[in-house]
Amino acid sequence: MKLAIFASGNGSNFQSILDAIENGTLQATVELLVCDKPGAFVMERAAAAGVPVFSFSAKDYSNKEEYEQEILEKLKSRGIEFIALAGYMRLIGNVLLSAYEKRIVNIHPSLLPAFPGKDAIGQAFEAGVKVTGATIHFVDAGMDTGPIIAQQAVEISDGETEEDIAAKIHQVEHQLYPKTLQQIFEGSGKIFYHGSTVV
């Protein structure tokens, strides 16, 4: 499976996907990193792994359609079959949703539908919940509203800091994301999108 990863920051989930490919548990190749924050550390990870990068600033374009059209051209030129969002902090628009229907997934650090959007870990911490976690879902036009594929809970213990919770969630994410991607690529498991099994 020819995979593009979209990321905006540190890129720890990007790295976990690369590591899973390297150790043989994920049958894919990462053909492109798309990054909307030039200089983000994920770009250094990509360079170290020899993964090509398309980096852009949204402010350099007149609208979302314009920059997504350029992204789409880059994806097509590399034969990208599937998109994994890994800390990409922009909503996906119609250009990419239409071209990659049912082939874009995202990982989010909460048990959706709880705590969507930015700073989900901070939201959970402030709310004082005892359980949060990680969710992998198909991407639609909304903010973390697409059909859920996989979730894993993380318990929050008394006295844990926001940083402690983040570390526990990231540990779960780094295992859950590559495993779930492999299940999607194999068409195995009960993975549904609007009632249809993804194969």
C-alpha atoms as a PDB file:
ATOM      1  CA  MET A   1       0.000   0.000   0.000  1.00  0.00           C
ATOM      2  CA  LYS A   2       1.462   3.344  -1.059  1.00  0.00           C
ATOM      3  CA  LEU A   3       0.843   5.662   1.858  1.00  0.00           C
ATOM      4  CA  ALA A   4       1.028   9.423   2.359  1.00  0.00           C
ATOM      5  CA  ILE A   5       1.172  10.773   5.885  1.00  0.00           C
ATOM      6  CA  PHE A   6      -0.039  14.269   6.741  1.00  0.00           C
ATOM      7  CA  ALA A   7       1.479  15.828   9.876  1.00  0.00           C
ATOM      8  CA  SER A   8       1.996  19.254  11.442  1.00  0.00           C
ATOM      9  CA  GLY A   9       4.263  18.732  14.436  1.00  0.00           C
ATOM     10  CA  ASN A  10       6.661  16.376  16.180  1.00  0.00           C
ATOM     11  CA  GLY A  11       5.714  13.339  14.124  1.00  0.00           C
ATOM     12  CA  SER A  12       5.820  10.562  16.713  1.00  0.00           C
ATOM     13  CA  ASN A  13       2.951   8.718  14.996  1.00  0.00           C
ATOM     14  CA  PHE A  14       4.702   9.214  11.658  1.00  0.00           C
ATOM     15  CA  GLN A  15       7.731   7.518  13.226  1.00  0.00           C
ATOM     16  CA  SER A  16       5.650   4.668  14.662  1.00  0.00           C
ATOM     17  CA  ILE A  17       4.295   3.920  11.178  1.00  0.00           C
ATOM     18  CA  LEU A  18       7.807   3.908   9.715  1.00  0.00           C
ATOM     19  CA  ASP A  19       8.976   1.615  12.531  1.00  0.00           C
ATOM     20  CA  ALA A  20       6.100  -0.813  11.919  1.00  0.00           C
ATOM     21  CA  ILE A  21       6.983  -0.977   8.228  1.00  0.00           C
ATOM     22  CA  GLU A  22      10.618  -1.556   9.121  1.00  0.00           C
ATOM     23  CA  ASN A  23       9.823  -4.436  11.486  1.00  0.00           C
ATOM     24  CA  GLY A  24       7.408  -6.037   9.032  1.00  0.00           C
ATOM     25  CA  THR A  25       4.129  -5.593  10.931  1.00  0.00           C
ATOM     26  CA  LEU A  26       2.742  -3.022   8.473  1.00  0.00           C
ATOM     27  CA  GLN A  27       2.705  -3.898   4.786  1.00  0.00           C
ATOM     28  CA  ALA A  28       3.055  -0.451   3.246  1.00  0.00           C
ATOM     29  CA  THR A  29       5.505   2.122   1.975  1.00  0.00           C
ATOM     30  CA  VAL A  30       5.479   5.761   3.003  1.00  0.00           C
ATOM     31  CA  GLU A  31       5.855   7.587  -0.291  1.00  0.00           C
ATOM     32  CA  LEU A  32       5.228  11.156   0.879  1.00  0.00           C
ATOM     33  CA  LEU A  33       4.991  13.364   3.957  1.00  0.00           C
ATOM     34  CA  VAL A  34       2.657  16.355   3.613  1.00  0.00           C
ATOM     35  CA  CYS A  35       3.407  19.028   6.212  1.00  0.00           C
ATOM     36  CA  ASP A  36       1.665  22.384   6.604  1.00  0.00           C
ATOM     37  CA  LYS A  37       4.209  23.707   9.129  1.00  0.00           C
ATOM     38  CA  PRO A  38       7.578  24.250   7.409  1.00  0.00           C
ATOM     39  CA  GLY A  39      10.291  23.486   9.924  1.00  0.00           C
ATOM     40  CA  ALA A  40       8.221  21.040  11.998  1.00  0.00           C
ATOM     41  CA  PHE A  41      10.301  18.244  13.530  1.00  0.00           C
ATOM     42  CA  VAL A  42       8.393  15.619  11.530  1.00  0.00           C
ATOM     43  CA  MET A  43      10.262  16.896   8.471  1.00  0.00           C
ATOM     44  CA  GLU A  44      13.556  15.924  10.112  1.00  0.00           C
ATOM     45  CA  ARG A  45      12.175  12.450  10.743  1.00  0.00           C
ATOM     46  CA  ALA A  46      11.185  12.200   7.073  1.00  0.00           C
ATOM     47  CA  ALA A  47      14.617  13.356   5.920  1.00  0.00           C
ATOM     48  CA  ALA A  48      16.308  10.771   8.147  1.00  0.00           C
ATOM     49  CA  ALA A  49      14.107   8.041   6.647  1.00  0.00           C
ATOM     50  CA  GLY A  50      14.497   9.215   3.068  1.00  0.00           C
ATOM     51  CA  VAL A  51      10.784  10.024   2.733  1.00  0.00           C
ATOM     52  CA  PRO A  52       9.981  12.812   0.235  1.00  0.00           C
ATOM     53  CA  VAL A  53       8.287  15.875   1.732  1.00  0.00           C
ATOM     54  CA  PHE A  54       5.774  18.350   0.390  1.00  0.00           C
ATOM     55  CA  SER A  55       5.760  21.306   2.758  1.00  0.00           C
ATOM     56  CA  PHE A  56       3.477  24.299   2.389  1.00  0.00           C
ATOM     57  CA  SER A  57       2.020  27.292   4.224  1.00  0.00           C
ATOM     58  CA  ALA A  58      -1.719  27.739   3.813  1.00  0.00           C
ATOM     59  CA  LYS A  59      -1.329  31.519   3.870  1.00  0.00           C
ATOM     60  CA  ASP A  60       0.514  31.316   0.551  1.00  0.00           C
ATOM     61  CA  TYR A  61      -2.700  30.174  -1.150  1.00  0.00           C
ATOM     62  CA  SER A  62      -5.954  32.019  -1.739  1.00  0.00           C
ATOM     63  CA  ASN A  63      -8.082  29.166  -0.328  1.00  0.00           C
ATOM     64  CA  LYS A  64      -8.151  25.533   0.815  1.00  0.00           C
ATOM     65  CA  GLU A  65      -9.119  24.240  -2.638  1.00  0.00           C
ATOM     66  CA  GLU A  66      -6.008  25.787  -4.160  1.00  0.00           C
ATOM     67  CA  TYR A  67      -3.516  24.147  -1.803  1.00  0.00           C
ATOM     68  CA  GLU A  68      -5.413  20.851  -1.734  1.00  0.00           C
ATOM     69  CA  GLN A  69      -5.306  20.768  -5.529  1.00  0.00           C
ATOM     70  CA  GLU A  70      -1.526  21.052  -5.370  1.00  0.00           C
ATOM     71  CA  ILE A  71      -1.389  18.349  -2.698  1.00  0.00           C
ATOM     72  CA  LEU A  72      -3.572  16.129  -4.901  1.00  0.00           C
ATOM     73  CA  GLU A  73      -1.175  16.547  -7.810  1.00  0.00           C
ATOM     74  CA  LYS A  74       1.717  15.480  -5.563  1.00  0.00           C
ATOM     75  CA  LEU A  75      -0.262  12.449  -4.339  1.00  0.00           C
ATOM     76  CA  LYS A  76      -1.182  11.364  -7.858  1.00  0.00           C
ATOM     77  CA  SER A  77       2.369  11.783  -9.121  1.00  0.00           C
ATOM     78  CA  ARG A  78       3.541   9.285  -6.487  1.00  0.00           C
ATOM     79  CA  GLY A  79       0.679   6.845  -6.935  1.00  0.00           C
ATOM     80  CA  ILE A  80      -0.608   7.362  -3.385  1.00  0.00           C
ATOM     81  CA  GLU A  81      -3.375   4.890  -2.509  1.00  0.00           C
ATOM     82  CA  PHE A  82      -4.169   5.854   1.079  1.00  0.00           C
ATOM     83  CA  ILE A  83      -3.763   8.869   3.406  1.00  0.00           C
ATOM     84  CA  ALA A  84      -3.063   8.703   7.140  1.00  0.00           C
ATOM     85  CA  LEU A  85      -3.383  11.887   9.166  1.00  0.00           C
ATOM     86  CA  ALA A  86      -0.953  11.943  12.086  1.00  0.00           C
ATOM     87  CA  GLY A  87      -1.245  15.216  13.952  1.00  0.00           C
ATOM     88  CA  TYR A  88      -2.313  17.195  10.870  1.00  0.00           C
ATOM     89  CA  MET A  89      -4.053  20.256  12.251  1.00  0.00           C
ATOM     90  CA  ARG A  90      -6.236  21.177   9.278  1.00  0.00           C
ATOM     91  CA  LEU A  91      -9.669  20.024   8.228  1.00  0.00           C
ATOM     92  CA  ILE A  92      -9.603  18.052   4.992  1.00  0.00           C
ATOM     93  CA  GLY A  93     -11.646  19.692   2.223  1.00  0.00           C
ATOM     94  CA  ASN A  94     -13.708  18.482  -0.695  1.00  0.00           C
ATOM     95  CA  VAL A  95     -10.808  18.199  -3.142  1.00  0.00           C
ATOM     96  CA  LEU A  96      -9.079  15.456  -1.144  1.00  0.00           C
ATOM     97  CA  LEU A  97     -12.261  13.921   0.293  1.00  0.00           C
ATOM     98  CA  SER A  98     -13.604  13.370  -3.218  1.00  0.00           C
ATOM     99  CA  ALA A  99     -10.357  11.976  -4.610  1.00  0.00           C
ATOM    100  CA  TYR A 100      -9.706   9.658  -1.639  1.00  0.00           C
ATOM    101  CA  GLU A 101     -13.201   8.707  -0.484  1.00  0.00           C
ATOM    102  CA  LYS A 102     -13.000   6.078   2.292  1.00  0.00           C
ATOM    103  CA  ARG A 103      -9.201   6.183   2.003  1.00  0.00           C
ATOM    104  CA  ILE A 104      -8.322   8.881   4.556  1.00  0.00           C
ATOM    105  CA  VAL A 105      -8.014   8.054   8.254  1.00  0.00           C
ATOM    106  CA  ASN A 106      -7.051  10.076  11.312  1.00  0.00           C
ATOM    107  CA  ILE A 107      -5.839   9.324  14.821  1.00  0.00           C
ATOM    108  CA  HIS A 108      -7.204  11.467  17.647  1.00  0.00           C
ATOM    109  CA  PRO A 109      -6.101  11.463  21.317  1.00  0.00           C
ATOM    110  CA  SER A 110      -9.488  10.905  22.957  1.00  0.00           C
ATOM    111  CA  LEU A 111     -12.355   8.447  22.927  1.00  0.00           C
ATOM    112  CA  LEU A 112     -14.455  10.204  20.310  1.00  0.00           C
ATOM    113  CA  PRO A 113     -17.038  11.647  20.266  1.00  0.00           C
ATOM    114  CA  ALA A 114     -15.640  13.012  23.553  1.00  0.00           C
ATOM    115  CA  PHE A 115     -13.163  15.904  23.283  1.00  0.00           C
ATOM    116  CA  PRO A 116     -12.950  16.538  19.534  1.00  0.00           C
ATOM    117  CA  GLY A 117     -10.787  19.265  18.022  1.00  0.00           C
ATOM    118  CA  LYS A 118      -7.630  20.834  19.371  1.00  0.00           C
ATOM    119  CA  ASP A 119      -5.976  19.977  22.694  1.00  0.00           C
ATOM    120  CA  ALA A 120      -8.066  16.874  23.344  1.00  0.00           C
ATOM    121  CA  ILE A 121      -5.693  15.767  26.113  1.00  0.00           C
ATOM    122  CA  GLY A 122      -5.976  19.145  27.817  1.00  0.00           C
ATOM    123  CA  GLN A 123      -9.745  19.016  27.469  1.00  0.00           C
ATOM    124  CA  ALA A 124      -9.860  15.599  29.153  1.00  0.00           C
ATOM    125  CA  PHE A 125      -7.520  16.751  31.916  1.00  0.00           C
ATOM    126  CA  GLU A 126      -9.593  19.856  32.638  1.00  0.00           C
ATOM    127  CA  ALA A 127     -12.810  17.811  32.652  1.00  0.00           C
ATOM    128  CA  GLY A 128     -11.364  15.480  35.280  1.00  0.00           C
ATOM    129  CA  VAL A 129     -12.404  12.297  33.484  1.00  0.00           C
ATOM    130  CA  LYS A 130     -11.068   8.977  34.712  1.00  0.00           C
ATOM    131  CA  VAL A 131     -10.863   7.370  31.265  1.00  0.00           C
ATOM    132  CA  THR A 132      -9.744   8.797  27.931  1.00  0.00           C
ATOM    133  CA  GLY A 133      -7.861   7.159  25.092  1.00  0.00           C
ATOM    134  CA  ALA A 134      -7.197   7.118  21.366  1.00  0.00           C
ATOM    135  CA  THR A 135      -9.500   6.814  18.367  1.00  0.00           C
ATOM    136  CA  ILE A 136      -8.837   5.989  14.720  1.00  0.00           C
ATOM    137  CA  HIS A 137     -11.591   7.101  12.392  1.00  0.00           C
ATOM    138  CA  PHE A 138     -12.361   7.717   8.756  1.00  0.00           C
ATOM    139  CA  VAL A 139     -12.165  11.373   7.800  1.00  0.00           C
ATOM    140  CA  ASP A 140     -15.186  13.329   6.641  1.00  0.00           C
ATOM    141  CA  ALA A 141     -15.832  17.063   6.288  1.00  0.00           C
ATOM    142  CA  GLY A 142     -16.412  17.567  10.020  1.00  0.00           C
ATOM    143  CA  MET A 143     -14.091  18.022  12.986  1.00  0.00           C
ATOM    144  CA  ASP A 144     -13.278  14.470  14.136  1.00  0.00           C
ATOM    145  CA  THR A 145     -16.782  13.297  13.172  1.00  0.00           C
ATOM    146  CA  GLY A 146     -16.081  10.448  10.728  1.00  0.00           C
ATOM    147  CA  PRO A 147     -17.004   6.805  11.368  1.00  0.00           C
ATOM    148  CA  ILE A 148     -14.925   5.205  14.124  1.00  0.00           C
ATOM    149  CA  ILE A 149     -12.682   2.281  13.167  1.00  0.00           C
ATOM    150  CA  ALA A 150     -10.821   1.503  16.393  1.00  0.00           C
ATOM    151  CA  GLN A 151     -10.520   2.820  19.936  1.00  0.00           C
ATOM    152  CA  GLN A 152      -8.417   2.013  22.962  1.00  0.00           C
ATOM    153  CA  ALA A 153      -9.037   3.348  26.452  1.00  0.00           C
ATOM    154  CA  VAL A 154      -6.447   4.883  28.763  1.00  0.00           C
ATOM    155  CA  GLU A 155      -7.188   5.152  32.481  1.00  0.00           C
ATOM    156  CA  ILE A 156      -6.221   8.326  34.305  1.00  0.00           C
ATOM    157  CA  SER A 157      -4.904   7.843  37.825  1.00  0.00           C
ATOM    158  CA  ASP A 158      -5.228  10.340  40.656  1.00  0.00           C
ATOM    159  CA  GLY A 159      -2.399  12.853  40.689  1.00  0.00           C
ATOM    160  CA  GLU A 160      -1.335  12.349  37.086  1.00  0.00           C
ATOM    161  CA  THR A 161      -0.343  15.485  35.206  1.00  0.00           C
ATOM    162  CA  GLU A 162      -1.446  16.418  31.713  1.00  0.00           C
ATOM    163  CA  GLU A 163       2.032  15.380  30.537  1.00  0.00           C
ATOM    164  CA  ASP A 164       1.632  11.965  32.198  1.00  0.00           C
ATOM    165  CA  ILE A 165      -1.682  11.432  30.421  1.00  0.00           C
ATOM    166  CA  ALA A 166      -0.207  12.533  27.092  1.00  0.00           C
ATOM    167  CA  ALA A 167       2.646  10.052  27.448  1.00  0.00           C
ATOM    168  CA  LYS A 168       0.223   7.179  28.138  1.00  0.00           C
ATOM    169  CA  ILE A 169      -1.991   8.102  25.182  1.00  0.00           C
ATOM    170  CA  HIS A 170       0.954   8.404  22.814  1.00  0.00           C
ATOM    171  CA  GLN A 171       2.192   4.980  23.883  1.00  0.00           C
ATOM    172  CA  VAL A 172      -1.211   3.535  22.969  1.00  0.00           C
ATOM    173  CA  GLU A 173      -1.378   5.469  19.695  1.00  0.00           C
ATOM    174  CA  HIS A 174       1.997   4.200  18.534  1.00  0.00           C
ATOM    175  CA  GLN A 175       0.768   0.603  18.805  1.00  0.00           C
ATOM    176  CA  LEU A 176      -2.832   1.111  17.715  1.00  0.00           C
ATOM    177  CA  TYR A 177      -2.291   3.132  14.550  1.00  0.00           C
ATOM    178  CA  PRO A 178       0.031   0.780  12.622  1.00  0.00           C
ATOM    179  CA  LYS A 179      -1.998  -2.258  13.732  1.00  0.00           C
ATOM    180  CA  THR A 180      -5.278  -0.701  12.588  1.00  0.00           C
ATOM    181  CA  LEU A 181      -3.814   0.463   9.279  1.00  0.00           C
ATOM    182  CA  GLN A 182      -2.679  -3.102   8.597  1.00  0.00           C
ATOM    183  CA  GLN A 183      -6.184  -4.400   9.359  1.00  0.00           C
ATOM    184  CA  ILE A 184      -7.667  -1.867   6.946  1.00  0.00           C
ATOM    185  CA  PHE A 185      -5.198  -2.802   4.220  1.00  0.00           C
ATOM    186  CA  GLU A 186      -5.958  -6.496   4.714  1.00  0.00           C
ATOM    187  CA  GLY A 187      -9.704  -5.809   4.760  1.00  0.00           C
ATOM    188  CA  SER A 188      -9.887  -7.804   7.961  1.00  0.00           C
ATOM    189  CA  GLY A 189     -11.814  -7.149  11.136  1.00  0.00           C
ATOM    190  CA  LYS A 190     -15.140  -5.408  11.448  1.00  0.00           C
ATOM    191  CA  ILE A 191     -14.208  -2.195   9.718  1.00  0.00           C
ATOM    192  CA  PHE A 192     -17.216  -0.343   8.354  1.00  0.00           C
ATOM    193  CA  TYR A 193     -17.959   2.867   6.560  1.00  0.00           C
ATOM    194  CA  HIS A 194     -21.652   3.731   6.311  1.00  0.00           C
ATOM    195  CA  GLY A 195     -22.461   0.055   6.705  1.00  0.00           C
ATOM    196  CA  SER A 196     -20.101  -1.209   4.022  1.00  0.00           C
ATOM    197  CA  THR A 197     -17.055  -3.294   4.828  1.00  0.00           C
ATOM    198  CA  VAL A 198     -13.850  -1.705   3.633  1.00  0.00           C
ATOM    199  CA  VAL A 199     -11.832  -4.067   1.455  1.00  0.00           C
END
